[in-house]
Protein backbone atom coordinates (compact mmCIF):
# COMPACT_ATOMS: atom_id res chain seq x y z
CA UNK A 1 -0.30 0.27 0.20
CA UNK A 2 1.89 2.88 -1.19
CA UNK A 3 0.72 6.90 0.20
CA UNK A 4 -2.15 7.27 -1.66
CA UNK A 5 -4.19 4.48 -1.46
CA UNK A 6 -7.09 4.74 1.30
CA UNK A 7 -6.80 3.03 4.85
CA UNK A 8 -9.55 0.13 5.37
CA UNK A 9 -11.30 2.75 7.98
CA UNK A 10 -11.68 4.92 4.72
CA UNK A 11 -12.53 2.20 2.62
CA UNK A 12 -15.13 0.81 5.00
CA UNK A 13 -16.85 4.54 5.20
CA UNK A 14 -16.91 5.29 1.59
CA UNK A 15 -18.82 1.58 1.32
CA UNK A 16 -21.33 2.68 4.13
CA UNK A 17 -22.45 5.81 2.23
CA UNK A 18 -22.35 3.81 -0.99
CA UNK A 19 -24.83 1.24 1.16
CA UNK A 20 -26.70 4.44 2.84
CA UNK A 21 -27.39 6.16 -0.89
CA UNK A 22 -28.86 2.96 -2.55
CA UNK A 23 -31.19 2.79 0.93
CA UNK A 24 -32.13 6.50 0.57
CA UNK A 25 -32.81 5.83 -3.61
CA UNK A 26 -35.05 2.55 -2.91
CA UNK A 27 -37.42 5.01 -0.45
CA UNK A 28 -38.00 7.77 -2.96
CA UNK A 29 -38.36 4.91 -5.71
CA UNK A 30 -41.03 3.68 -3.31
CA UNK A 31 -42.88 6.76 -2.40
CA UNK A 32 -43.34 7.54 -6.19
CA UNK A 33 -45.24 5.37 -6.51
CA UNK A 34 -46.77 5.87 -3.44
CA UNK A 35 -47.86 9.07 -4.24
CA UNK A 36 -49.16 7.96 -7.77
CA UNK A 37 -51.40 5.23 -5.61
CA UNK A 38 -52.88 8.44 -3.71
CA UNK A 39 -53.38 10.35 -6.81
CA UNK A 40 -54.92 7.53 -8.77
CA UNK A 41 -57.33 6.50 -5.53
CA UNK A 42 -58.30 10.53 -5.65
CA UNK A 43 -58.73 10.02 -8.97
CA UNK A 44 -61.51 7.62 -8.70
CA UNK A 45 -63.35 8.67 -6.15
CA UNK A 46 -63.31 12.28 -7.29
CA UNK A 47 -65.04 11.09 -10.34
CA UNK A 48 -67.36 8.99 -8.37
CA UNK A 49 -68.21 12.08 -6.36
CA UNK A 50 -68.57 14.44 -8.96
CA UNK A 51 -69.71 12.67 -11.86
CA UNK A 52 -68.15 15.00 -14.21
CA UNK A 53 -66.13 14.11 -17.79
CA UNK A 54 -64.31 17.06 -17.69
CA UNK A 55 -62.93 17.02 -14.05
CA UNK A 56 -62.40 13.34 -15.28
CA UNK A 57 -59.79 14.49 -17.91
CA UNK A 58 -58.31 17.06 -16.13
CA UNK A 59 -57.33 14.46 -12.87
CA UNK A 60 -56.97 11.72 -14.97
CA UNK A 61 -54.06 13.62 -17.37
CA UNK A 62 -52.82 14.76 -13.69
CA UNK A 63 -52.21 10.70 -12.80
CA UNK A 64 -51.03 10.24 -16.38
CA UNK A 65 -48.18 12.75 -15.94
CA UNK A 66 -47.83 11.70 -12.59
CA UNK A 67 -46.89 7.88 -13.65
CA UNK A 68 -45.29 8.88 -16.65
CA UNK A 69 -42.49 10.77 -14.20
CA UNK A 70 -43.00 7.44 -11.93
CA UNK A 71 -41.57 5.21 -14.69
CA UNK A 72 -38.59 8.00 -15.48
CA UNK A 73 -37.87 8.05 -12.12
CA UNK A 74 -37.61 3.97 -12.09
CA UNK A 75 -35.99 3.96 -14.55
CA UNK A 76 -33.09 6.87 -13.52
CA UNK A 77 -32.83 5.27 -10.04
CA UNK A 78 -32.44 1.67 -11.53
CA UNK A 79 -29.46 3.42 -13.82
CA UNK A 80 -27.98 4.74 -10.35
CA UNK A 81 -28.71 1.44 -8.19
CA UNK A 82 -25.96 -0.13 -11.16
CA UNK A 83 -23.90 2.37 -10.54
CA UNK A 84 -24.31 2.03 -6.69
CA UNK A 85 -23.61 -1.66 -6.82
CA UNK A 86 -20.27 -0.86 -8.92
CA UNK A 87 -18.88 0.98 -6.88
CA UNK A 88 -20.10 -1.13 -3.78
CA UNK A 89 -18.78 -4.05 -5.83
CA UNK A 90 -15.19 -2.32 -6.34
CA UNK A 91 -15.18 -1.28 -2.54
CA UNK A 92 -15.95 -4.46 -1.38
CA UNK A 93 -13.13 -5.93 -3.81
CA UNK A 94 -10.69 -3.57 -2.11
CA UNK A 95 -11.63 -4.63 1.23
CA UNK A 96 -10.88 -7.97 0.45
CA UNK A 97 -14.24 -9.27 0.40
CA UNK A 98 -14.23 -11.23 -2.63
CA UNK A 99 -12.64 -14.04 -2.00
CA UNK A 100 -14.07 -17.75 -2.75
CA UNK A 101 -17.24 -19.12 -0.32
CA UNK A 102 -17.87 -15.20 0.90
CA UNK A 103 -19.31 -13.28 -1.85
CA UNK A 104 -18.70 -14.98 -5.19
CA UNK A 105 -22.44 -15.82 -5.73
CA UNK A 106 -23.72 -11.95 -5.56
CA UNK A 107 -23.64 -9.91 -8.38
CA UNK A 108 -24.40 -6.07 -9.04
CA UNK A 109 -27.48 -5.72 -10.72
CA UNK A 110 -28.03 -4.86 -14.58
CA UNK A 111 -30.04 -2.06 -16.26
CA UNK A 112 -33.69 -2.69 -17.47
CA UNK A 113 -34.66 -3.81 -20.82
CA UNK A 114 -38.29 -3.08 -22.14
CA UNK A 115 -38.23 -7.10 -22.54
CA UNK A 116 -37.76 -7.41 -18.74
CA UNK A 117 -41.09 -5.67 -17.76
CA UNK A 118 -43.06 -7.97 -20.00
CA UNK A 119 -41.46 -10.86 -18.69
CA UNK A 120 -43.10 -12.26 -15.87
CA UNK A 121 -40.21 -14.33 -14.94
CA UNK A 122 -38.31 -11.11 -14.39
CA UNK A 123 -38.98 -10.38 -10.84
CA UNK A 124 -37.15 -7.94 -8.59
CA UNK A 125 -38.66 -4.72 -6.34
CA UNK A 126 -37.75 -1.56 -8.75
CA UNK A 127 -39.47 -3.63 -11.60
CA UNK A 128 -42.31 -4.22 -9.86
CA UNK A 129 -42.47 -0.24 -9.09
CA UNK A 130 -42.04 0.32 -12.58
CA UNK A 131 -44.86 -2.35 -13.43
CA UNK A 132 -47.13 -0.73 -11.02
CA UNK A 133 -46.52 3.11 -12.80
CA UNK A 134 -47.05 1.19 -16.14
CA UNK A 135 -50.22 -0.71 -14.78
CA UNK A 136 -51.60 2.48 -13.33
CA UNK A 137 -50.75 4.28 -16.83
CA UNK A 138 -52.67 1.70 -18.43
CA UNK A 139 -55.79 1.91 -16.03
CA UNK A 140 -56.36 5.70 -16.04
CA UNK A 141 -56.21 6.05 -19.41
CA UNK A 142 -58.60 3.01 -20.06
CA UNK A 143 -60.84 4.56 -17.27
CA UNK A 144 -60.82 7.96 -19.41
CA UNK A 145 -61.79 6.29 -22.39
CA UNK A 146 -64.37 3.99 -21.06
CA UNK A 147 -65.98 7.08 -18.63
CA UNK A 148 -65.78 9.25 -21.87
CA UNK A 149 -67.57 6.62 -24.49
CA UNK A 150 -69.99 4.73 -22.12
CA UNK A 151 -71.21 6.88 -19.78
């Protein structure tokens, strides 16, 4: 180890920071889904209570925009997660944690593909959140169309 290499305490601290950042990102990802779900409930409740096509359309577009923002945030956070786990992997390696039998079956996540969204065999929490945002988007579009043409 030369004078410019970080010591083990510094590496452990950096690893802790990376994990904390990952946990914060994950909380934000879930929070976006919670907000969009609450907006969806408000949208349906307002439609049932007010029975106004115009209110349904305006509120529906707000929920659609929120769900699209949720999709964008989910995709961005997945890319951040891939970067975070690359950093975590490097720090673990520098700490000597990558030896046979310790972490050899742990691999960093990979970016989403649109095929992953449609593949029911691919399941992880960020993909679930992304699917829920897309489901809410589709639900609101179908709801608004049905409300506009059949009521």
